[in-house]
Amino acid sequence: MLLAHPAVLDDLVRRYTSLERTLASGKAGPTTRQRLADVAYTLCVSTGTRDIDAALVVARHRLPGSGPGDDSALTSGG
């Protein structure tokens, strides 16, 4: 399986969390919801997973600075 470059994963995770915050604030319209769905799909494809929670864990573990004992990848809001 091809793996996305960590810089790409970092950008996707940042975009996803930003869009998720916007959605949670109640200020999101249909465009924001579609962008969130698109980024979630791209994260899943980029990490070889089928759901966004797993994709976020995999992506965060591939980012520089994370290690095998780093459980920060298992928390949300990163």
Protein backbone atom coordinates (compact mmCIF):
# COMPACT_ATOMS: atom_id res chain seq x y z
CA MET A 1 0.00 0.00 0.00
CA LEU A 2 1.24 3.47 -0.81
CA LEU A 3 1.47 5.78 2.17
CA ALA A 4 0.80 9.50 2.09
CA HIS A 5 3.66 11.82 2.99
CA PRO A 6 3.49 13.00 6.62
CA ALA A 7 3.15 16.63 5.46
CA VAL A 8 0.05 15.70 3.47
CA LEU A 9 -1.41 13.85 6.45
CA ASP A 10 -0.65 16.79 8.73
CA ASP A 11 -2.48 19.15 6.37
CA LEU A 12 -5.48 16.82 6.12
CA VAL A 13 -5.71 16.38 9.90
CA ARG A 14 -5.52 20.14 10.43
CA ARG A 15 -8.18 20.78 7.79
CA TYR A 16 -10.43 18.09 9.24
CA THR A 17 -10.19 19.38 12.82
CA SER A 18 -10.77 22.97 11.69
CA LEU A 19 -13.85 22.02 9.68
CA GLU A 20 -15.11 19.85 12.54
CA ARG A 21 -14.82 22.81 14.94
CA THR A 22 -16.70 25.02 12.50
CA LEU A 23 -19.44 22.41 12.22
CA ALA A 24 -19.66 22.06 16.01
CA SER A 25 -19.97 25.83 16.41
CA GLY A 26 -23.25 25.77 14.52
CA LYS A 27 -21.94 28.20 11.91
CA ALA A 28 -21.52 25.63 9.17
CA GLY A 29 -23.48 25.51 5.97
CA PRO A 30 -23.76 22.82 3.33
CA THR A 31 -20.40 23.77 1.81
CA THR A 32 -18.60 23.20 5.12
CA ARG A 33 -20.35 19.87 5.60
CA GLN A 34 -19.31 18.77 2.10
CA ARG A 35 -15.72 19.88 2.64
CA LEU A 36 -15.63 17.93 5.92
CA ALA A 37 -16.95 14.83 4.17
CA ASP A 38 -14.39 15.26 1.37
CA VAL A 39 -11.47 15.64 3.78
CA ALA A 40 -12.68 12.66 5.84
CA TYR A 41 -12.85 10.55 2.67
CA THR A 42 -9.35 11.66 1.63
CA LEU A 43 -7.97 10.85 5.07
CA CYS A 44 -9.49 7.38 4.93
CA VAL A 45 -8.07 6.71 1.48
CA SER A 46 -4.68 8.15 2.45
CA THR A 47 -4.43 5.93 5.52
CA GLY A 48 -6.06 2.77 4.16
CA THR A 49 -8.88 2.89 6.70
CA ARG A 50 -12.66 2.85 6.43
CA ASP A 51 -13.73 5.31 9.11
CA ILE A 52 -12.56 8.74 10.16
CA ASP A 53 -11.67 7.82 13.74
CA ALA A 54 -9.27 5.11 12.56
CA ALA A 55 -7.92 7.42 9.85
CA LEU A 56 -7.13 10.13 12.40
CA VAL A 57 -5.31 7.66 14.66
CA VAL A 58 -3.25 6.28 11.78
CA ALA A 59 -2.48 9.75 10.40
CA ARG A 60 -1.41 11.14 13.78
CA HIS A 61 0.86 8.16 14.40
CA ARG A 62 2.62 8.85 11.11
CA LEU A 63 3.28 12.50 11.95
CA PRO A 64 6.75 13.59 13.05
CA GLY A 65 7.13 13.52 16.81
CA SER A 66 4.77 10.66 17.49
CA GLY A 67 6.24 7.45 18.77
CA PRO A 68 5.01 3.96 19.57
CA GLY A 69 4.29 4.94 23.17
CA ASP A 70 2.63 8.23 22.24
CA ASP A 71 -1.02 7.95 23.20
CA SER A 72 -1.75 11.55 22.20
CA ALA A 73 -2.74 10.18 18.81
CA LEU A 74 -5.66 8.47 20.52
CA THR A 75 -7.19 11.70 21.80
CA SER A 76 -9.36 13.97 19.71
CA GLY A 77 -8.91 17.62 19.02
CA GLY A 78 -5.22 17.35 18.05
